[in-house]
Amino acid sequence: MTLAEIVDITGLPGLYKVSGKRNDGLVVTSLVDDKTTFVSGRKHLFTTLDNVTMYTTGDGITLKAVLTEMKKQEAGNPPAAKDDAAIKAYIEKIIPDYDKEKVYVSDMKKLLKWYEILNAKNLVEELIKEEAETVAATTEEATAEEKPTKKSAAKDAVAKPKKEAKPKVE
């Protein structure tokens, strides 16, 4: 499963896996209770989790990177969702340079809730593993593009002469 297959739906609690698409909405399965339902695109907005970024003082940080860091620091369990100061301190440990003016406590609470849902389904490890495989595949592609093959190097070395254009006679 990828973050592109998981959506947050306005007006509905929790996270959902996209099971199917229709012209007027999505068929989704709840990650909380595994119930499948149709959600109309006329009433709700859908946000795939691969498009979510958090504001930082520099460029934004992707949700995948935040989840990875939360998993690494899992021993310092997230605080209770009712203590705003503890939540801010925890997020500052996870993302030291988050933008304190643009990231609200409600956003932090939603992030913690998403993490709990994904971690309960063991999806955080799967997403982190997928990220490592993607990085490795991208690195292999980049090195393959840099090294020309013997045939292509030989073709590049021997340049074919261009034919001269003949003038048109009218």
C-alpha atoms as a PDB file:
ATOM      1  CA  MET A   1       0.000   0.000   0.000  1.00  0.00           C
ATOM      2  CA  THR A   2       1.197   3.521  -0.701  1.00  0.00           C
ATOM      3  CA  LEU A   3       0.285   6.919   0.685  1.00  0.00           C
ATOM      4  CA  ALA A   4      -1.409   7.669  -2.646  1.00  0.00           C
ATOM      5  CA  GLU A   5      -3.970   4.936  -1.862  1.00  0.00           C
ATOM      6  CA  ILE A   6      -4.858   6.379   1.559  1.00  0.00           C
ATOM      7  CA  VAL A   7      -7.159   9.406   1.763  1.00  0.00           C
ATOM      8  CA  ASP A   8      -8.436  11.825   4.351  1.00  0.00           C
ATOM      9  CA  ILE A   9     -12.047  12.817   3.708  1.00  0.00           C
ATOM     10  CA  THR A  10     -13.500  16.109   4.914  1.00  0.00           C
ATOM     11  CA  GLY A  11     -16.339  15.669   7.363  1.00  0.00           C
ATOM     12  CA  LEU A  12     -15.487  12.041   8.153  1.00  0.00           C
ATOM     13  CA  PRO A  13     -13.207  10.837  10.963  1.00  0.00           C
ATOM     14  CA  GLY A  14     -10.194   8.609  10.355  1.00  0.00           C
ATOM     15  CA  LEU A  15      -8.360   7.511   7.237  1.00  0.00           C
ATOM     16  CA  TYR A  16      -9.624   5.506   4.297  1.00  0.00           C
ATOM     17  CA  LYS A  17      -8.133   3.204   1.669  1.00  0.00           C
ATOM     18  CA  VAL A  18      -9.398   3.805  -1.864  1.00  0.00           C
ATOM     19  CA  SER A  19     -11.089   0.606  -3.037  1.00  0.00           C
ATOM     20  CA  GLY A  20     -12.583   1.952  -6.255  1.00  0.00           C
ATOM     21  CA  LYS A  21     -13.364   5.078  -8.228  1.00  0.00           C
ATOM     22  CA  ARG A  22     -16.565   6.302  -9.804  1.00  0.00           C
ATOM     23  CA  ASN A  23     -17.375   9.452 -11.745  1.00  0.00           C
ATOM     24  CA  ASP A  24     -19.095  11.075  -8.783  1.00  0.00           C
ATOM     25  CA  GLY A  25     -16.940   9.869  -5.879  1.00  0.00           C
ATOM     26  CA  LEU A  26     -14.847   7.111  -4.352  1.00  0.00           C
ATOM     27  CA  VAL A  27     -15.506   3.695  -2.886  1.00  0.00           C
ATOM     28  CA  VAL A  28     -13.429   3.640   0.289  1.00  0.00           C
ATOM     29  CA  THR A  29     -12.650   1.215   3.096  1.00  0.00           C
ATOM     30  CA  SER A  30     -12.135   2.610   6.580  1.00  0.00           C
ATOM     31  CA  LEU A  31      -8.773   1.809   8.153  1.00  0.00           C
ATOM     32  CA  VAL A  32     -10.425   2.004  11.574  1.00  0.00           C
ATOM     33  CA  ASP A  33     -13.316  -0.473  11.250  1.00  0.00           C
ATOM     34  CA  ASP A  34     -12.791  -1.991   7.742  1.00  0.00           C
ATOM     35  CA  LYS A  35     -16.235  -0.950   6.511  1.00  0.00           C
ATOM     36  CA  THR A  36     -16.532  -0.210   2.790  1.00  0.00           C
ATOM     37  CA  THR A  37     -18.726   2.673   1.675  1.00  0.00           C
ATOM     38  CA  PHE A  38     -19.275   5.092  -1.191  1.00  0.00           C
ATOM     39  CA  VAL A  39     -18.364   8.739  -0.552  1.00  0.00           C
ATOM     40  CA  SER A  40     -19.717  11.392  -2.904  1.00  0.00           C
ATOM     41  CA  GLY A  41     -17.309  13.891  -4.403  1.00  0.00           C
ATOM     42  CA  ARG A  42     -20.097  16.470  -4.365  1.00  0.00           C
ATOM     43  CA  LYS A  43     -20.248  16.596  -0.566  1.00  0.00           C
ATOM     44  CA  HIS A  44     -16.676  15.765   0.435  1.00  0.00           C
ATOM     45  CA  LEU A  45     -13.110  16.659  -0.510  1.00  0.00           C
ATOM     46  CA  PHE A  46     -10.441  13.956  -0.729  1.00  0.00           C
ATOM     47  CA  THR A  47      -6.777  14.431   0.159  1.00  0.00           C
ATOM     48  CA  THR A  48      -4.313  11.656  -0.591  1.00  0.00           C
ATOM     49  CA  LEU A  49      -1.634  11.393   2.082  1.00  0.00           C
ATOM     50  CA  ASP A  50       1.195  11.555  -0.449  1.00  0.00           C
ATOM     51  CA  ASN A  51       0.206  15.197  -1.107  1.00  0.00           C
ATOM     52  CA  VAL A  52       0.369  16.244   2.555  1.00  0.00           C
ATOM     53  CA  THR A  53       3.330  18.345   3.692  1.00  0.00           C
ATOM     54  CA  MET A  54       4.003  20.197   6.916  1.00  0.00           C
ATOM     55  CA  TYR A  55       5.171  23.778   6.985  1.00  0.00           C
ATOM     56  CA  THR A  56       8.747  24.326   8.088  1.00  0.00           C
ATOM     57  CA  THR A  57      10.929  27.421   8.187  1.00  0.00           C
ATOM     58  CA  GLY A  58      12.539  26.210   4.934  1.00  0.00           C
ATOM     59  CA  ASP A  59      10.879  23.954   2.382  1.00  0.00           C
ATOM     60  CA  GLY A  60       8.001  21.816   3.613  1.00  0.00           C
ATOM     61  CA  ILE A  61       8.541  18.267   4.857  1.00  0.00           C
ATOM     62  CA  THR A  62       6.528  15.382   3.425  1.00  0.00           C
ATOM     63  CA  LEU A  63       4.206  13.307   5.569  1.00  0.00           C
ATOM     64  CA  LYS A  64       6.232  10.197   4.753  1.00  0.00           C
ATOM     65  CA  ALA A  65       9.362  11.794   6.246  1.00  0.00           C
ATOM     66  CA  VAL A  66       7.427  12.854   9.348  1.00  0.00           C
ATOM     67  CA  LEU A  67       5.996   9.344   9.826  1.00  0.00           C
ATOM     68  CA  THR A  68       9.478   7.869   9.401  1.00  0.00           C
ATOM     69  CA  GLU A  69      10.868  10.148  12.102  1.00  0.00           C
ATOM     70  CA  MET A  70       7.923   9.387  14.406  1.00  0.00           C
ATOM     71  CA  LYS A  71       8.578   5.656  13.983  1.00  0.00           C
ATOM     72  CA  LYS A  72      12.290   6.121  14.778  1.00  0.00           C
ATOM     73  CA  GLN A  73      11.423   8.001  17.969  1.00  0.00           C
ATOM     74  CA  GLU A  74       8.555   5.719  18.929  1.00  0.00           C
ATOM     75  CA  ALA A  75      10.110   5.032  22.350  1.00  0.00           C
ATOM     76  CA  GLY A  76       9.210   8.608  23.347  1.00  0.00           C
ATOM     77  CA  ASN A  77       5.537   7.791  22.818  1.00  0.00           C
ATOM     78  CA  PRO A  78       3.267  10.615  21.645  1.00  0.00           C
ATOM     79  CA  PRO A  79       1.657  12.539  24.492  1.00  0.00           C
ATOM     80  CA  ALA A  80      -1.998  12.471  25.458  1.00  0.00           C
ATOM     81  CA  ALA A  81      -4.069  14.296  22.844  1.00  0.00           C
ATOM     82  CA  LYS A  82      -5.495  16.750  25.404  1.00  0.00           C
ATOM     83  CA  ASP A  83      -2.260  18.387  26.574  1.00  0.00           C
ATOM     84  CA  ASP A  84      -1.417  21.075  23.988  1.00  0.00           C
ATOM     85  CA  ALA A  85       1.980  21.980  25.477  1.00  0.00           C
ATOM     86  CA  ALA A  86       3.113  18.343  25.499  1.00  0.00           C
ATOM     87  CA  ILE A  87       1.947  17.898  21.902  1.00  0.00           C
ATOM     88  CA  LYS A  88       3.921  20.978  20.789  1.00  0.00           C
ATOM     89  CA  ALA A  89       7.043  19.714  22.587  1.00  0.00           C
ATOM     90  CA  TYR A  90       6.690  16.276  20.963  1.00  0.00           C
ATOM     91  CA  ILE A  91       6.263  17.717  17.451  1.00  0.00           C
ATOM     92  CA  GLU A  92       9.277  19.966  18.035  1.00  0.00           C
ATOM     93  CA  LYS A  93      11.331  16.833  18.816  1.00  0.00           C
ATOM     94  CA  ILE A  94      10.103  15.203  15.603  1.00  0.00           C
ATOM     95  CA  ILE A  95      10.341  18.290  13.350  1.00  0.00           C
ATOM     96  CA  PRO A  96      12.680  20.827  14.999  1.00  0.00           C
ATOM     97  CA  ASP A  97      12.181  23.483  12.304  1.00  0.00           C
ATOM     98  CA  TYR A  98       8.383  23.351  11.927  1.00  0.00           C
ATOM     99  CA  ASP A  99       6.726  26.730  11.343  1.00  0.00           C
ATOM    100  CA  LYS A 100       5.185  27.687  14.686  1.00  0.00           C
ATOM    101  CA  GLU A 101       2.861  30.262  13.082  1.00  0.00           C
ATOM    102  CA  LYS A 102       1.401  28.069  10.326  1.00  0.00           C
ATOM    103  CA  VAL A 103       1.171  24.676  12.058  1.00  0.00           C
ATOM    104  CA  TYR A 104      -1.698  24.711  14.548  1.00  0.00           C
ATOM    105  CA  VAL A 105      -2.280  22.363  17.473  1.00  0.00           C
ATOM    106  CA  SER A 106      -5.286  20.912  15.632  1.00  0.00           C
ATOM    107  CA  ASP A 107      -2.938  19.932  12.773  1.00  0.00           C
ATOM    108  CA  MET A 108      -0.605  18.268  15.272  1.00  0.00           C
ATOM    109  CA  LYS A 109      -3.484  16.347  16.849  1.00  0.00           C
ATOM    110  CA  LYS A 110      -4.607  15.167  13.403  1.00  0.00           C
ATOM    111  CA  LEU A 111      -1.050  14.026  12.637  1.00  0.00           C
ATOM    112  CA  LEU A 112      -0.923  12.043  15.891  1.00  0.00           C
ATOM    113  CA  LYS A 113      -4.309  10.469  15.152  1.00  0.00           C
ATOM    114  CA  TRP A 114      -3.197   9.498  11.635  1.00  0.00           C
ATOM    115  CA  TYR A 115      -0.016   7.964  13.047  1.00  0.00           C
ATOM    116  CA  GLU A 116      -2.025   5.910  15.572  1.00  0.00           C
ATOM    117  CA  ILE A 117      -4.325   4.597  12.812  1.00  0.00           C
ATOM    118  CA  LEU A 118      -1.473   3.720  10.447  1.00  0.00           C
ATOM    119  CA  ASN A 119       0.644   2.195  13.205  1.00  0.00           C
ATOM    120  CA  ALA A 120      -2.262   0.056  14.445  1.00  0.00           C
ATOM    121  CA  LYS A 121      -2.482  -1.498  10.942  1.00  0.00           C
ATOM    122  CA  ASN A 122       1.356  -1.814  10.730  1.00  0.00           C
ATOM    123  CA  LEU A 123       1.311   0.435   7.685  1.00  0.00           C
ATOM    124  CA  VAL A 124       4.015   2.818   8.942  1.00  0.00           C
ATOM    125  CA  GLU A 125       6.701   0.127   8.582  1.00  0.00           C
ATOM    126  CA  GLU A 126       5.377  -0.801   5.139  1.00  0.00           C
ATOM    127  CA  LEU A 127       5.481   2.843   4.011  1.00  0.00           C
ATOM    128  CA  ILE A 128       9.019   3.324   5.385  1.00  0.00           C
ATOM    129  CA  LYS A 129      10.188   0.130   3.654  1.00  0.00           C
ATOM    130  CA  GLU A 130       8.590   1.300   0.406  1.00  0.00           C
ATOM    131  CA  GLU A 131      10.415   4.645   0.706  1.00  0.00           C
ATOM    132  CA  ALA A 132      13.772   2.883   1.113  1.00  0.00           C
ATOM    133  CA  GLU A 133      13.059   0.712  -1.962  1.00  0.00           C
ATOM    134  CA  THR A 134      12.066   3.798  -3.977  1.00  0.00           C
ATOM    135  CA  VAL A 135      15.277   5.611  -3.020  1.00  0.00           C
ATOM    136  CA  ALA A 136      17.360   2.547  -3.967  1.00  0.00           C
ATOM    137  CA  ALA A 137      15.585   2.190  -7.328  1.00  0.00           C
ATOM    138  CA  THR A 138      16.054   5.890  -8.083  1.00  0.00           C
ATOM    139  CA  THR A 139      19.767   5.643  -7.272  1.00  0.00           C
ATOM    140  CA  GLU A 140      20.155   2.601  -9.556  1.00  0.00           C
ATOM    141  CA  GLU A 141      18.381   4.422 -12.417  1.00  0.00           C
ATOM    142  CA  ALA A 142      20.613   7.475 -12.003  1.00  0.00           C
ATOM    143  CA  THR A 143      23.806   5.404 -12.132  1.00  0.00           C
ATOM    144  CA  ALA A 144      22.518   3.451 -15.153  1.00  0.00           C
ATOM    145  CA  GLU A 145      21.861   6.714 -17.028  1.00  0.00           C
ATOM    146  CA  GLU A 146      25.346   8.039 -16.259  1.00  0.00           C
ATOM    147  CA  LYS A 147      27.183   4.978 -17.632  1.00  0.00           C
ATOM    148  CA  PRO A 148      26.768   4.716 -21.409  1.00  0.00           C
ATOM    149  CA  THR A 149      26.899   1.257 -22.916  1.00  0.00           C
ATOM    150  CA  LYS A 150      29.743   0.226 -25.216  1.00  0.00           C
ATOM    151  CA  LYS A 151      27.516   0.311 -28.285  1.00  0.00           C
ATOM    152  CA  SER A 152      26.134   3.767 -27.589  1.00  0.00           C
ATOM    153  CA  ALA A 153      29.632   5.082 -26.785  1.00  0.00           C
ATOM    154  CA  ALA A 154      30.906   3.688 -30.096  1.00  0.00           C
ATOM    155  CA  LYS A 155      27.997   5.245 -31.978  1.00  0.00           C
ATOM    156  CA  ASP A 156      28.681   8.603 -30.340  1.00  0.00           C
ATOM    157  CA  ALA A 157      32.385   8.409 -31.241  1.00  0.00           C
ATOM    158  CA  VAL A 158      31.724   7.780 -34.935  1.00  0.00           C
ATOM    159  CA  ALA A 159      29.703  10.694 -36.193  1.00  0.00           C
ATOM    160  CA  LYS A 160      27.835  10.172 -39.418  1.00  0.00           C
ATOM    161  CA  PRO A 161      28.381  12.858 -42.015  1.00  0.00           C
ATOM    162  CA  LYS A 162      25.284  14.883 -42.735  1.00  0.00           C
ATOM    163  CA  LYS A 163      23.929  15.014 -46.230  1.00  0.00           C
ATOM    164  CA  GLU A 164      23.911  18.405 -47.849  1.00  0.00           C
ATOM    165  CA  ALA A 165      20.555  19.760 -48.822  1.00  0.00           C
ATOM    166  CA  LYS A 166      20.062  20.166 -52.563  1.00  0.00           C
ATOM    167  CA  PRO A 167      18.558  23.449 -53.701  1.00  0.00           C
ATOM    168  CA  LYS A 168      15.107  23.293 -55.251  1.00  0.00           C
ATOM    169  CA  VAL A 169      14.963  24.053 -58.940  1.00  0.00           C
ATOM    170  CA  GLU A 170      11.764  25.653 -60.138  1.00  0.00           C
END
